[in-house]
Amino acid sequence: MPQDQNPTEPFQDEVQATVVNIKQGGAGHVDAESVSIRQGGAQTIASGSADITQGGAFFVDAEHATVNQSGVAVIVAEEATMNHTSAGLVVASKINAKNSRIALLLGGTVEGRPDVAVDARVAAIIGASAVVTLFVLRRLFRS
């Protein structure tokens, strides 16, 4: 496995290296100890440290994820830092979010004031309501 890899083509299907830097390009799957993306994107990232600025990713699995002015569908991390970012789902032990929007947030410590559509408490209420509703409907329509 090469030590460092800077993709020269606009899009790489799969990139594996110790350090990956993507600028104005993209990759399908990136597997590295450290990933840096500037004005580019990746479908999936598996990394110890992921840093995305003015880019995007579908799925980020990292110990430390830093996302600035970007969009990510799913972030799973030990620690996630977000600034001016939109995310669909964030699952992290520690989250620091400034001026960011998150659809569903499941996390331990949250610093900053992210705009969250559904957090863990609301998700639990929705789940409990769905279970009760299904139970009642089953009883009503049981002949």
C-alpha atoms as a PDB file:
ATOM      1  CA  MET A   1       0.000   0.000   0.000  1.00  0.00           C
ATOM      2  CA  PRO A   2       1.500   3.374  -0.985  1.00  0.00           C
ATOM      3  CA  GLN A   3       2.307   5.892   1.737  1.00  0.00           C
ATOM      4  CA  ASP A   4       0.709   8.949   0.116  1.00  0.00           C
ATOM      5  CA  GLN A   5      -1.635   9.186  -2.803  1.00  0.00           C
ATOM      6  CA  ASN A   6      -2.790  12.294  -4.666  1.00  0.00           C
ATOM      7  CA  PRO A   7      -5.246  11.195  -7.379  1.00  0.00           C
ATOM      8  CA  THR A   8      -4.465  12.819 -10.740  1.00  0.00           C
ATOM      9  CA  GLU A   9      -7.691  11.863 -12.521  1.00  0.00           C
ATOM     10  CA  PRO A  10     -10.937  13.725 -11.718  1.00  0.00           C
ATOM     11  CA  PHE A  11     -12.608  10.568 -10.316  1.00  0.00           C
ATOM     12  CA  GLN A  12     -11.096   7.421  -8.793  1.00  0.00           C
ATOM     13  CA  ASP A  13     -13.278   4.375  -8.042  1.00  0.00           C
ATOM     14  CA  GLU A  14     -11.250   3.279  -5.034  1.00  0.00           C
ATOM     15  CA  VAL A  15      -8.376   4.938  -3.228  1.00  0.00           C
ATOM     16  CA  GLN A  16      -6.329   3.204  -0.499  1.00  0.00           C
ATOM     17  CA  ALA A  17      -3.353   4.860   1.135  1.00  0.00           C
ATOM     18  CA  THR A  18      -2.005   6.185   4.403  1.00  0.00           C
ATOM     19  CA  VAL A  19      -2.736   9.822   3.456  1.00  0.00           C
ATOM     20  CA  VAL A  20      -5.207  10.879   0.747  1.00  0.00           C
ATOM     21  CA  ASN A  21      -5.606  14.474  -0.502  1.00  0.00           C
ATOM     22  CA  ILE A  22      -8.366  15.181  -3.029  1.00  0.00           C
ATOM     23  CA  LYS A  23      -8.674  18.659  -4.571  1.00  0.00           C
ATOM     24  CA  GLN A  24     -11.421  19.394  -7.096  1.00  0.00           C
ATOM     25  CA  GLY A  25     -11.940  15.714  -7.739  1.00  0.00           C
ATOM     26  CA  GLY A  26     -13.738  12.719  -6.397  1.00  0.00           C
ATOM     27  CA  ALA A  27     -13.545   9.088  -5.390  1.00  0.00           C
ATOM     28  CA  GLY A  28     -15.919   6.215  -4.915  1.00  0.00           C
ATOM     29  CA  HIS A  29     -14.431   4.699  -1.760  1.00  0.00           C
ATOM     30  CA  VAL A  30     -11.523   6.147   0.220  1.00  0.00           C
ATOM     31  CA  ASP A  31      -9.764   4.021   2.842  1.00  0.00           C
ATOM     32  CA  ALA A  32      -6.906   5.822   4.602  1.00  0.00           C
ATOM     33  CA  GLU A  33      -5.536   6.905   7.956  1.00  0.00           C
ATOM     34  CA  SER A  34      -5.996  10.558   6.960  1.00  0.00           C
ATOM     35  CA  VAL A  35      -8.318  11.977   4.281  1.00  0.00           C
ATOM     36  CA  SER A  36      -8.485  15.609   3.155  1.00  0.00           C
ATOM     37  CA  ILE A  37     -11.034  16.717   0.543  1.00  0.00           C
ATOM     38  CA  ARG A  38     -11.185  20.279  -0.812  1.00  0.00           C
ATOM     39  CA  GLN A  39     -13.901  21.189  -3.319  1.00  0.00           C
ATOM     40  CA  GLY A  40     -14.441  17.542  -4.137  1.00  0.00           C
ATOM     41  CA  GLY A  41     -16.267  14.532  -2.887  1.00  0.00           C
ATOM     42  CA  ALA A  42     -16.363  10.849  -2.083  1.00  0.00           C
ATOM     43  CA  GLN A  43     -19.117   8.310  -1.871  1.00  0.00           C
ATOM     44  CA  THR A  44     -17.693   6.557   1.209  1.00  0.00           C
ATOM     45  CA  ILE A  45     -14.802   7.353   3.515  1.00  0.00           C
ATOM     46  CA  ALA A  46     -13.255   5.004   6.095  1.00  0.00           C
ATOM     47  CA  SER A  47     -10.565   6.876   7.965  1.00  0.00           C
ATOM     48  CA  GLY A  48      -8.941   7.732  11.257  1.00  0.00           C
ATOM     49  CA  SER A  49      -9.214  11.425  10.376  1.00  0.00           C
ATOM     50  CA  ALA A  50     -11.433  12.936   7.682  1.00  0.00           C
ATOM     51  CA  ASP A  51     -11.418  16.636   6.758  1.00  0.00           C
ATOM     52  CA  ILE A  52     -13.903  17.866   4.133  1.00  0.00           C
ATOM     53  CA  THR A  53     -14.065  21.530   3.066  1.00  0.00           C
ATOM     54  CA  GLN A  54     -16.496  22.802   0.438  1.00  0.00           C
ATOM     55  CA  GLY A  55     -17.207  19.277  -0.676  1.00  0.00           C
ATOM     56  CA  GLY A  56     -19.425  16.360   0.045  1.00  0.00           C
ATOM     57  CA  ALA A  57     -19.640  12.705   0.933  1.00  0.00           C
ATOM     58  CA  PHE A  58     -22.376  10.151   1.264  1.00  0.00           C
ATOM     59  CA  PHE A  59     -20.974   8.119   4.178  1.00  0.00           C
ATOM     60  CA  VAL A  60     -18.102   9.087   6.496  1.00  0.00           C
ATOM     61  CA  ASP A  61     -16.821   6.581   9.069  1.00  0.00           C
ATOM     62  CA  ALA A  62     -13.947   8.177  10.990  1.00  0.00           C
ATOM     63  CA  GLU A  63     -12.537   8.572  14.468  1.00  0.00           C
ATOM     64  CA  HIS A  64     -12.347  12.343  13.905  1.00  0.00           C
ATOM     65  CA  ALA A  65     -14.473  13.980  11.213  1.00  0.00           C
ATOM     66  CA  THR A  66     -14.171  17.695  10.426  1.00  0.00           C
ATOM     67  CA  VAL A  67     -16.647  19.065   7.890  1.00  0.00           C
ATOM     68  CA  ASN A  68     -16.667  22.729   6.794  1.00  0.00           C
ATOM     69  CA  GLN A  69     -19.129  24.329   4.368  1.00  0.00           C
ATOM     70  CA  SER A  70     -20.060  20.907   3.027  1.00  0.00           C
ATOM     71  CA  GLY A  71     -22.808  18.331   2.817  1.00  0.00           C
ATOM     72  CA  VAL A  72     -22.694  14.793   4.167  1.00  0.00           C
ATOM     73  CA  ALA A  73     -25.498  12.238   4.238  1.00  0.00           C
ATOM     74  CA  VAL A  74     -24.173  10.128   7.150  1.00  0.00           C
ATOM     75  CA  ILE A  75     -21.360  10.759   9.657  1.00  0.00           C
ATOM     76  CA  VAL A  76     -20.341   8.039  12.111  1.00  0.00           C
ATOM     77  CA  ALA A  77     -17.451   9.220  14.266  1.00  0.00           C
ATOM     78  CA  GLU A  78     -16.010   9.284  17.735  1.00  0.00           C
ATOM     79  CA  GLU A  79     -15.700  13.077  17.389  1.00  0.00           C
ATOM     80  CA  ALA A  80     -17.414  15.213  14.735  1.00  0.00           C
ATOM     81  CA  THR A  81     -16.762  18.921  14.131  1.00  0.00           C
ATOM     82  CA  MET A  82     -19.147  20.717  11.783  1.00  0.00           C
ATOM     83  CA  ASN A  83     -19.138  24.326  10.603  1.00  0.00           C
ATOM     84  CA  HIS A  84     -21.713  25.663   8.101  1.00  0.00           C
ATOM     85  CA  THR A  85     -22.554  22.079   7.157  1.00  0.00           C
ATOM     86  CA  SER A  86     -25.663  20.052   6.373  1.00  0.00           C
ATOM     87  CA  ALA A  87     -25.912  16.396   7.385  1.00  0.00           C
ATOM     88  CA  GLY A  88     -28.655  13.793   7.259  1.00  0.00           C
ATOM     89  CA  LEU A  89     -27.556  11.571  10.149  1.00  0.00           C
ATOM     90  CA  VAL A  90     -24.793  12.198  12.667  1.00  0.00           C
ATOM     91  CA  VAL A  91     -23.808   9.500  15.171  1.00  0.00           C
ATOM     92  CA  ALA A  92     -20.910  10.557  17.388  1.00  0.00           C
ATOM     93  CA  SER A  93     -19.761  10.529  21.004  1.00  0.00           C
ATOM     94  CA  LYS A  94     -18.749  14.194  20.827  1.00  0.00           C
ATOM     95  CA  ILE A  95     -20.212  16.718  18.405  1.00  0.00           C
ATOM     96  CA  ASN A  96     -19.172  20.334  17.924  1.00  0.00           C
ATOM     97  CA  ALA A  97     -21.496  22.031  15.439  1.00  0.00           C
ATOM     98  CA  LYS A  98     -21.720  25.708  14.493  1.00  0.00           C
ATOM     99  CA  ASN A  99     -24.246  27.068  12.010  1.00  0.00           C
ATOM    100  CA  SER A 100     -25.002  23.527  10.853  1.00  0.00           C
ATOM    101  CA  ARG A 101     -28.166  21.612  10.029  1.00  0.00           C
ATOM    102  CA  ILE A 102     -28.636  18.007  11.048  1.00  0.00           C
ATOM    103  CA  ALA A 103     -31.734  15.943  10.240  1.00  0.00           C
ATOM    104  CA  LEU A 104     -31.175  13.182  12.829  1.00  0.00           C
ATOM    105  CA  LEU A 105     -28.642  13.543  15.650  1.00  0.00           C
ATOM    106  CA  LEU A 106     -27.609  10.669  17.913  1.00  0.00           C
ATOM    107  CA  GLY A 107     -24.724  11.755  20.077  1.00  0.00           C
ATOM    108  CA  GLY A 108     -23.236  12.025  23.510  1.00  0.00           C
ATOM    109  CA  THR A 109     -21.835  15.498  24.156  1.00  0.00           C
ATOM    110  CA  VAL A 110     -23.080  18.253  21.851  1.00  0.00           C
ATOM    111  CA  GLU A 111     -21.317  21.623  21.787  1.00  0.00           C
ATOM    112  CA  GLY A 112     -22.622  24.550  19.795  1.00  0.00           C
ATOM    113  CA  ARG A 113     -26.179  25.019  18.638  1.00  0.00           C
ATOM    114  CA  PRO A 114     -26.876  22.912  15.563  1.00  0.00           C
ATOM    115  CA  ASP A 115     -30.287  23.139  13.892  1.00  0.00           C
ATOM    116  CA  VAL A 116     -31.533  19.603  14.585  1.00  0.00           C
ATOM    117  CA  ALA A 117     -34.752  18.231  13.097  1.00  0.00           C
ATOM    118  CA  VAL A 118     -34.799  15.030  15.200  1.00  0.00           C
ATOM    119  CA  ASP A 119     -32.555  14.289  18.173  1.00  0.00           C
ATOM    120  CA  ALA A 120     -32.404  11.103  20.275  1.00  0.00           C
ATOM    121  CA  ARG A 121     -35.235  12.232  22.588  1.00  0.00           C
ATOM    122  CA  VAL A 122     -37.600  13.044  19.717  1.00  0.00           C
ATOM    123  CA  ALA A 123     -36.634   9.810  17.920  1.00  0.00           C
ATOM    124  CA  ALA A 124     -37.534   7.824  21.063  1.00  0.00           C
ATOM    125  CA  ILE A 125     -40.899   9.608  21.294  1.00  0.00           C
ATOM    126  CA  ILE A 126     -41.630   8.944  17.623  1.00  0.00           C
ATOM    127  CA  GLY A 127     -40.661   5.277  18.022  1.00  0.00           C
ATOM    128  CA  ALA A 128     -42.805   4.817  21.134  1.00  0.00           C
ATOM    129  CA  SER A 129     -45.743   6.532  19.419  1.00  0.00           C
ATOM    130  CA  ALA A 130     -45.388   4.267  16.390  1.00  0.00           C
ATOM    131  CA  VAL A 131     -45.373   1.148  18.584  1.00  0.00           C
ATOM    132  CA  VAL A 132     -48.489   2.262  20.487  1.00  0.00           C
ATOM    133  CA  THR A 133     -50.270   3.181  17.235  1.00  0.00           C
ATOM    134  CA  LEU A 134     -49.482  -0.186  15.647  1.00  0.00           C
ATOM    135  CA  PHE A 135     -50.620  -1.997  18.796  1.00  0.00           C
ATOM    136  CA  VAL A 136     -53.955  -0.114  18.842  1.00  0.00           C
ATOM    137  CA  LEU A 137     -54.530  -0.659  15.105  1.00  0.00           C
ATOM    138  CA  ARG A 138     -53.794  -4.356  15.474  1.00  0.00           C
ATOM    139  CA  ARG A 139     -56.346  -4.632  18.299  1.00  0.00           C
ATOM    140  CA  LEU A 140     -58.972  -2.679  16.352  1.00  0.00           C
ATOM    141  CA  PHE A 141     -58.694  -4.667  13.158  1.00  0.00           C
ATOM    142  CA  ARG A 142     -58.324  -8.041  14.779  1.00  0.00           C
ATOM    143  CA  SER A 143     -61.527  -9.987  14.259  1.00  0.00           C
END
